[in-house]
């Protein structure tokens, strides 16, 4: 499998969504996040997936 993005245009939208979720959770995301714990980063990613699944299920 190649490292290419399936929908390159979605990158900006996902980055914006990630920043919104991080802000709501009080996680200080920046361009460089090396000082954050894996728990902090994982909690943001988990919440993003939770919200995306909820949004998809609500459309069914």
PDB file of N, CA and C in Angstrom:
ATOM      1  N   UNK A   1       0.845  -1.181   0.000  1.00  0.00           N
ATOM      2  CA  UNK A   1       0.000   0.000   0.000  1.00  0.00           C
ATOM      3  C   UNK A   1       0.887   1.240   0.000  1.00  0.00           C
ATOM      4  N   UNK A   2       0.514   2.220  -0.750  1.00  0.00           N
ATOM      5  CA  UNK A   2       1.300   3.454  -0.821  1.00  0.00           C
ATOM      6  C   UNK A   2       0.929   4.374   0.334  1.00  0.00           C
ATOM      7  N   UNK A   3       1.718   5.397   0.517  1.00  0.00           N
ATOM      8  CA  UNK A   3       1.502   6.366   1.579  1.00  0.00           C
ATOM      9  C   UNK A   3       0.695   7.564   1.086  1.00  0.00           C
ATOM     10  N   UNK A   4       0.008   7.438  -0.045  1.00  0.00           N
ATOM     11  CA  UNK A   4      -0.762   8.561  -0.572  1.00  0.00           C
ATOM     12  C   UNK A   4      -2.097   8.678   0.153  1.00  0.00           C
ATOM     13  N   UNK A   5      -2.607   9.870   0.179  1.00  0.00           N
ATOM     14  CA  UNK A   5      -3.885  10.143   0.827  1.00  0.00           C
ATOM     15  C   UNK A   5      -5.016   9.829  -0.140  1.00  0.00           C
ATOM     16  N   UNK A   6      -6.099   9.220   0.367  1.00  0.00           N
ATOM     17  CA  UNK A   6      -7.236   8.906  -0.488  1.00  0.00           C
ATOM     18  C   UNK A   6      -7.953  10.169  -0.927  1.00  0.00           C
ATOM     19  N   UNK A   7      -8.136  11.123  -0.003  1.00  0.00           N
ATOM     20  CA  UNK A   7      -8.795  12.384  -0.320  1.00  0.00           C
ATOM     21  C   UNK A   7      -7.924  13.508   0.240  1.00  0.00           C
ATOM     22  N   UNK A   8      -6.937  13.976  -0.531  1.00  0.00           N
ATOM     23  CA  UNK A   8      -6.012  14.992  -0.011  1.00  0.00           C
ATOM     24  C   UNK A   8      -6.714  16.263   0.465  1.00  0.00           C
ATOM     25  N   UNK A   9      -7.844  16.594  -0.133  1.00  0.00           N
ATOM     26  CA  UNK A   9      -8.567  17.809   0.240  1.00  0.00           C
ATOM     27  C   UNK A   9      -9.138  17.729   1.653  1.00  0.00           C
ATOM     28  N   UNK A  10      -9.278  16.528   2.186  1.00  0.00           N
ATOM     29  CA  UNK A  10      -9.859  16.348   3.521  1.00  0.00           C
ATOM     30  C   UNK A  10      -8.879  16.700   4.638  1.00  0.00           C
ATOM     31  N   UNK A  11      -7.601  16.823   4.324  1.00  0.00           N
ATOM     32  CA  UNK A  11      -6.579  17.066   5.351  1.00  0.00           C
ATOM     33  C   UNK A  11      -6.869  18.331   6.151  1.00  0.00           C
ATOM     34  N   UNK A  12      -7.183  19.427   5.487  1.00  0.00           N
ATOM     35  CA  UNK A  12      -7.444  20.684   6.194  1.00  0.00           C
ATOM     36  C   UNK A  12      -8.670  20.571   7.083  1.00  0.00           C
ATOM     37  N   UNK A  13      -9.715  19.916   6.589  1.00  0.00           N
ATOM     38  CA  UNK A  13     -10.918  19.737   7.383  1.00  0.00           C
ATOM     39  C   UNK A  13     -10.673  18.901   8.622  1.00  0.00           C
ATOM     40  N   UNK A  14      -9.895  17.821   8.482  1.00  0.00           N
ATOM     41  CA  UNK A  14      -9.586  16.986   9.636  1.00  0.00           C
ATOM     42  C   UNK A  14      -8.698  17.720  10.639  1.00  0.00           C
ATOM     43  N   UNK A  15      -7.769  18.519  10.142  1.00  0.00           N
ATOM     44  CA  UNK A  15      -6.923  19.302  11.048  1.00  0.00           C
ATOM     45  C   UNK A  15      -7.742  20.318  11.834  1.00  0.00           C
ATOM     46  N   UNK A  16      -8.701  20.949  11.173  1.00  0.00           N
ATOM     47  CA  UNK A  16      -9.583  21.908  11.844  1.00  0.00           C
ATOM     48  C   UNK A  16     -10.430  21.191  12.892  1.00  0.00           C
ATOM     49  N   UNK A  17     -10.987  20.036  12.516  1.00  0.00           N
ATOM     50  CA  UNK A  17     -11.794  19.245  13.433  1.00  0.00           C
ATOM     51  C   UNK A  17     -10.959  18.815  14.645  1.00  0.00           C
ATOM     52  N   UNK A  18      -9.729  18.372  14.400  1.00  0.00           N
ATOM     53  CA  UNK A  18      -8.827  17.957  15.486  1.00  0.00           C
ATOM     54  C   UNK A  18      -8.571  19.119  16.439  1.00  0.00           C
ATOM     55  N   UNK A  19      -8.339  20.298  15.898  1.00  0.00           N
ATOM     56  CA  UNK A  19      -8.071  21.470  16.731  1.00  0.00           C
ATOM     57  C   UNK A  19      -9.295  21.838  17.559  1.00  0.00           C
ATOM     58  N   UNK A  20     -10.493  21.763  16.963  1.00  0.00           N
ATOM     59  CA  UNK A  20     -11.725  22.070  17.693  1.00  0.00           C
ATOM     60  C   UNK A  20     -11.929  21.106  18.859  1.00  0.00           C
ATOM     61  N   UNK A  21     -11.742  19.814  18.597  1.00  0.00           N
ATOM     62  CA  UNK A  21     -11.907  18.809  19.641  1.00  0.00           C
ATOM     63  C   UNK A  21     -10.866  19.023  20.739  1.00  0.00           C
ATOM     64  N   UNK A  22      -9.633  19.252  20.363  1.00  0.00           N
ATOM     65  CA  UNK A  22      -8.570  19.471  21.343  1.00  0.00           C
ATOM     66  C   UNK A  22      -8.877  20.688  22.212  1.00  0.00           C
ATOM     67  N   UNK A  23      -9.332  21.768  21.602  1.00  0.00           N
ATOM     68  CA  UNK A  23      -9.675  22.970  22.366  1.00  0.00           C
ATOM     69  C   UNK A  23     -10.788  22.687  23.363  1.00  0.00           C
ATOM     70  N   UNK A  24     -11.826  21.967  22.925  1.00  0.00           N
ATOM     71  CA  UNK A  24     -12.939  21.636  23.810  1.00  0.00           C
ATOM     72  C   UNK A  24     -12.492  20.759  24.978  1.00  0.00           C
ATOM     73  N   UNK A  25     -11.491  19.919  24.743  1.00  0.00           N
ATOM     74  CA  UNK A  25     -11.006  19.014  25.780  1.00  0.00           C
ATOM     75  C   UNK A  25      -9.892  19.629  26.626  1.00  0.00           C
ATOM     76  N   UNK A  26      -9.451  20.817  26.261  1.00  0.00           N
ATOM     77  CA  UNK A  26      -8.392  21.482  27.012  1.00  0.00           C
ATOM     78  C   UNK A  26      -7.005  20.941  26.725  1.00  0.00           C
ATOM     79  N   UNK A  27      -6.828  20.292  25.565  1.00  0.00           N
ATOM     80  CA  UNK A  27      -5.523  19.762  25.174  1.00  0.00           C
ATOM     81  C   UNK A  27      -4.854  20.799  24.270  1.00  0.00           C
ATOM     82  N   UNK A  28      -3.690  21.301  24.640  1.00  0.00           N
ATOM     83  CA  UNK A  28      -3.035  22.387  23.895  1.00  0.00           C
ATOM     84  C   UNK A  28      -2.309  21.915  22.631  1.00  0.00           C
ATOM     85  N   UNK A  29      -3.063  21.558  21.591  1.00  0.00           N
ATOM     86  CA  UNK A  29      -2.456  21.137  20.328  1.00  0.00           C
ATOM     87  C   UNK A  29      -1.832  22.337  19.635  1.00  0.00           C
ATOM     88  N   UNK A  30      -0.664  22.101  19.026  1.00  0.00           N
ATOM     89  CA  UNK A  30       0.053  23.124  18.263  1.00  0.00           C
ATOM     90  C   UNK A  30       0.619  22.455  17.016  1.00  0.00           C
ATOM     91  N   UNK A  31       1.488  23.147  16.314  1.00  0.00           N
ATOM     92  CA  UNK A  31       2.154  22.543  15.153  1.00  0.00           C
ATOM     93  C   UNK A  31       3.047  21.385  15.586  1.00  0.00           C
ATOM     94  N   UNK A  32       3.699  21.535  16.737  1.00  0.00           N
ATOM     95  CA  UNK A  32       4.539  20.483  17.295  1.00  0.00           C
ATOM     96  C   UNK A  32       3.925  20.043  18.617  1.00  0.00           C
ATOM     97  N   UNK A  33       3.649  18.745  18.746  1.00  0.00           N
ATOM     98  CA  UNK A  33       2.981  18.247  19.940  1.00  0.00           C
ATOM     99  C   UNK A  33       3.833  17.263  20.727  1.00  0.00           C
ATOM    100  N   UNK A  34       5.144  17.373  20.615  1.00  0.00           N
ATOM    101  CA  UNK A  34       6.045  16.454  21.278  1.00  0.00           C
ATOM    102  C   UNK A  34       6.000  16.511  22.793  1.00  0.00           C
ATOM    103  N   UNK A  35       5.508  17.615  23.352  1.00  0.00           N
ATOM    104  CA  UNK A  35       5.446  17.723  24.802  1.00  0.00           C
ATOM    105  C   UNK A  35       4.149  17.157  25.382  1.00  0.00           C
ATOM    106  N   UNK A  36       3.215  16.757  24.536  1.00  0.00           N
ATOM    107  CA  UNK A  36       1.965  16.169  25.010  1.00  0.00           C
ATOM    108  C   UNK A  36       2.159  14.681  25.295  1.00  0.00           C
ATOM    109  N   UNK A  37       1.355  14.172  26.210  1.00  0.00           N
ATOM    110  CA  UNK A  37       1.424  12.742  26.514  1.00  0.00           C
ATOM    111  C   UNK A  37       0.653  11.959  25.456  1.00  0.00           C
ATOM    112  N   UNK A  38       0.957  10.673  25.362  1.00  0.00           N
ATOM    113  CA  UNK A  38       0.214   9.833  24.423  1.00  0.00           C
ATOM    114  C   UNK A  38      -1.243   9.742  24.848  1.00  0.00           C
ATOM    115  N   UNK A  39      -1.512   9.839  26.143  1.00  0.00           N
ATOM    116  CA  UNK A  39      -2.895   9.822  26.632  1.00  0.00           C
ATOM    117  C   UNK A  39      -3.656  11.041  26.118  1.00  0.00           C
ATOM    118  N   UNK A  40      -3.027  12.210  26.148  1.00  0.00           N
ATOM    119  CA  UNK A  40      -3.683  13.418  25.646  1.00  0.00           C
ATOM    120  C   UNK A  40      -3.981  13.297  24.154  1.00  0.00           C
ATOM    121  N   UNK A  41      -2.983  12.891  23.390  1.00  0.00           N
ATOM    122  CA  UNK A  41      -3.170  12.759  21.942  1.00  0.00           C
ATOM    123  C   UNK A  41      -4.212  11.688  21.626  1.00  0.00           C
ATOM    124  N   UNK A  42      -4.135  10.574  22.333  1.00  0.00           N
ATOM    125  CA  UNK A  42      -5.084   9.496  22.109  1.00  0.00           C
ATOM    126  C   UNK A  42      -6.504   9.873  22.468  1.00  0.00           C
ATOM    127  N   UNK A  43      -6.663  10.680  23.511  1.00  0.00           N
ATOM    128  CA  UNK A  43      -8.009  11.091  23.903  1.00  0.00           C
ATOM    129  C   UNK A  43      -8.641  11.972  22.834  1.00  0.00           C
ATOM    130  N   UNK A  44      -7.849  12.810  22.194  1.00  0.00           N
ATOM    131  CA  UNK A  44      -8.374  13.661  21.116  1.00  0.00           C
ATOM    132  C   UNK A  44      -8.760  12.791  19.920  1.00  0.00           C
ATOM    133  N   UNK A  45      -7.892  11.874  19.538  1.00  0.00           N
ATOM    134  CA  UNK A  45      -8.196  10.984  18.420  1.00  0.00           C
ATOM    135  C   UNK A  45      -9.421  10.133  18.694  1.00  0.00           C
ATOM    136  N   UNK A  46      -9.529   9.614  19.900  1.00  0.00           N
ATOM    137  CA  UNK A  46     -10.681   8.804  20.266  1.00  0.00           C
ATOM    138  C   UNK A  46     -11.976   9.586  20.223  1.00  0.00           C
ATOM    139  N   UNK A  47     -11.932  10.811  20.704  1.00  0.00           N
ATOM    140  CA  UNK A  47     -13.127  11.657  20.680  1.00  0.00           C
ATOM    141  C   UNK A  47     -13.521  12.008  19.245  1.00  0.00           C
ATOM    142  N   UNK A  48     -12.520  12.224  18.380  1.00  0.00           N
ATOM    143  CA  UNK A  48     -12.815  12.506  16.977  1.00  0.00           C
ATOM    144  C   UNK A  48     -13.554  11.326  16.346  1.00  0.00           C
ATOM    145  N   UNK A  49     -13.055  10.116  16.574  1.00  0.00           N
ATOM    146  CA  UNK A  49     -13.691   8.920  16.012  1.00  0.00           C
ATOM    147  C   UNK A  49     -15.102   8.766  16.572  1.00  0.00           C
ATOM    148  N   UNK A  50     -15.254   8.970  17.864  1.00  0.00           N
ATOM    149  CA  UNK A  50     -16.567   8.864  18.505  1.00  0.00           C
ATOM    150  C   UNK A  50     -17.571   9.812  17.841  1.00  0.00           C
ATOM    151  N   UNK A  51     -17.159  11.037  17.617  1.00  0.00           N
ATOM    152  CA  UNK A  51     -18.054  12.027  17.002  1.00  0.00           C
ATOM    153  C   UNK A  51     -18.353  11.696  15.543  1.00  0.00           C
ATOM    154  N   UNK A  52     -17.348  11.204  14.811  1.00  0.00           N
ATOM    155  CA  UNK A  52     -17.584  10.839  13.413  1.00  0.00           C
ATOM    156  C   UNK A  52     -18.544   9.665  13.307  1.00  0.00           C
ATOM    157  N   UNK A  53     -18.391   8.671  14.183  1.00  0.00           N
ATOM    158  CA  UNK A  53     -19.301   7.520  14.174  1.00  0.00           C
ATOM    159  C   UNK A  53     -20.710   7.976  14.527  1.00  0.00           C
ATOM    160  N   UNK A  54     -20.827   8.821  15.545  1.00  0.00           N
ATOM    161  CA  UNK A  54     -22.139   9.330  15.949  1.00  0.00           C
ATOM    162  C   UNK A  54     -22.811  10.083  14.792  1.00  0.00           C
ATOM    163  N   UNK A  55     -22.036  10.918  14.112  1.00  0.00           N
ATOM    164  CA  UNK A  55     -22.590  11.679  12.990  1.00  0.00           C
ATOM    165  C   UNK A  55     -23.048  10.736  11.879  1.00  0.00           C
ATOM    166  N   UNK A  56     -22.259   9.720  11.578  1.00  0.00           N
ATOM    167  CA  UNK A  56     -22.631   8.768  10.540  1.00  0.00           C
ATOM    168  C   UNK A  56     -23.897   8.008  10.933  1.00  0.00           C
ATOM    169  N   UNK A  57     -23.948   7.528  12.179  1.00  0.00           N
ATOM    170  CA  UNK A  57     -25.108   6.768  12.627  1.00  0.00           C
ATOM    171  C   UNK A  57     -26.372   7.597  12.651  1.00  0.00           C
ATOM    172  N   UNK A  58     -26.253   8.886  12.943  1.00  0.00           N
ATOM    173  CA  UNK A  58     -27.439   9.736  12.978  1.00  0.00           C
ATOM    174  C   UNK A  58     -28.012   9.983  11.594  1.00  0.00           C
ATOM    175  N   UNK A  59     -27.209   9.745  10.556  1.00  0.00           N
ATOM    176  CA  UNK A  59     -27.681   9.917   9.180  1.00  0.00           C
ATOM    177  C   UNK A  59     -28.360   8.665   8.633  1.00  0.00           C
ATOM    178  N   UNK A  60     -28.233   7.529   9.340  1.00  0.00           N
ATOM    179  CA  UNK A  60     -28.836   6.282   8.868  1.00  0.00           C
ATOM    180  C   UNK A  60     -30.336   6.266   9.074  1.00  0.00           C
TER     181      UNK A  60
END
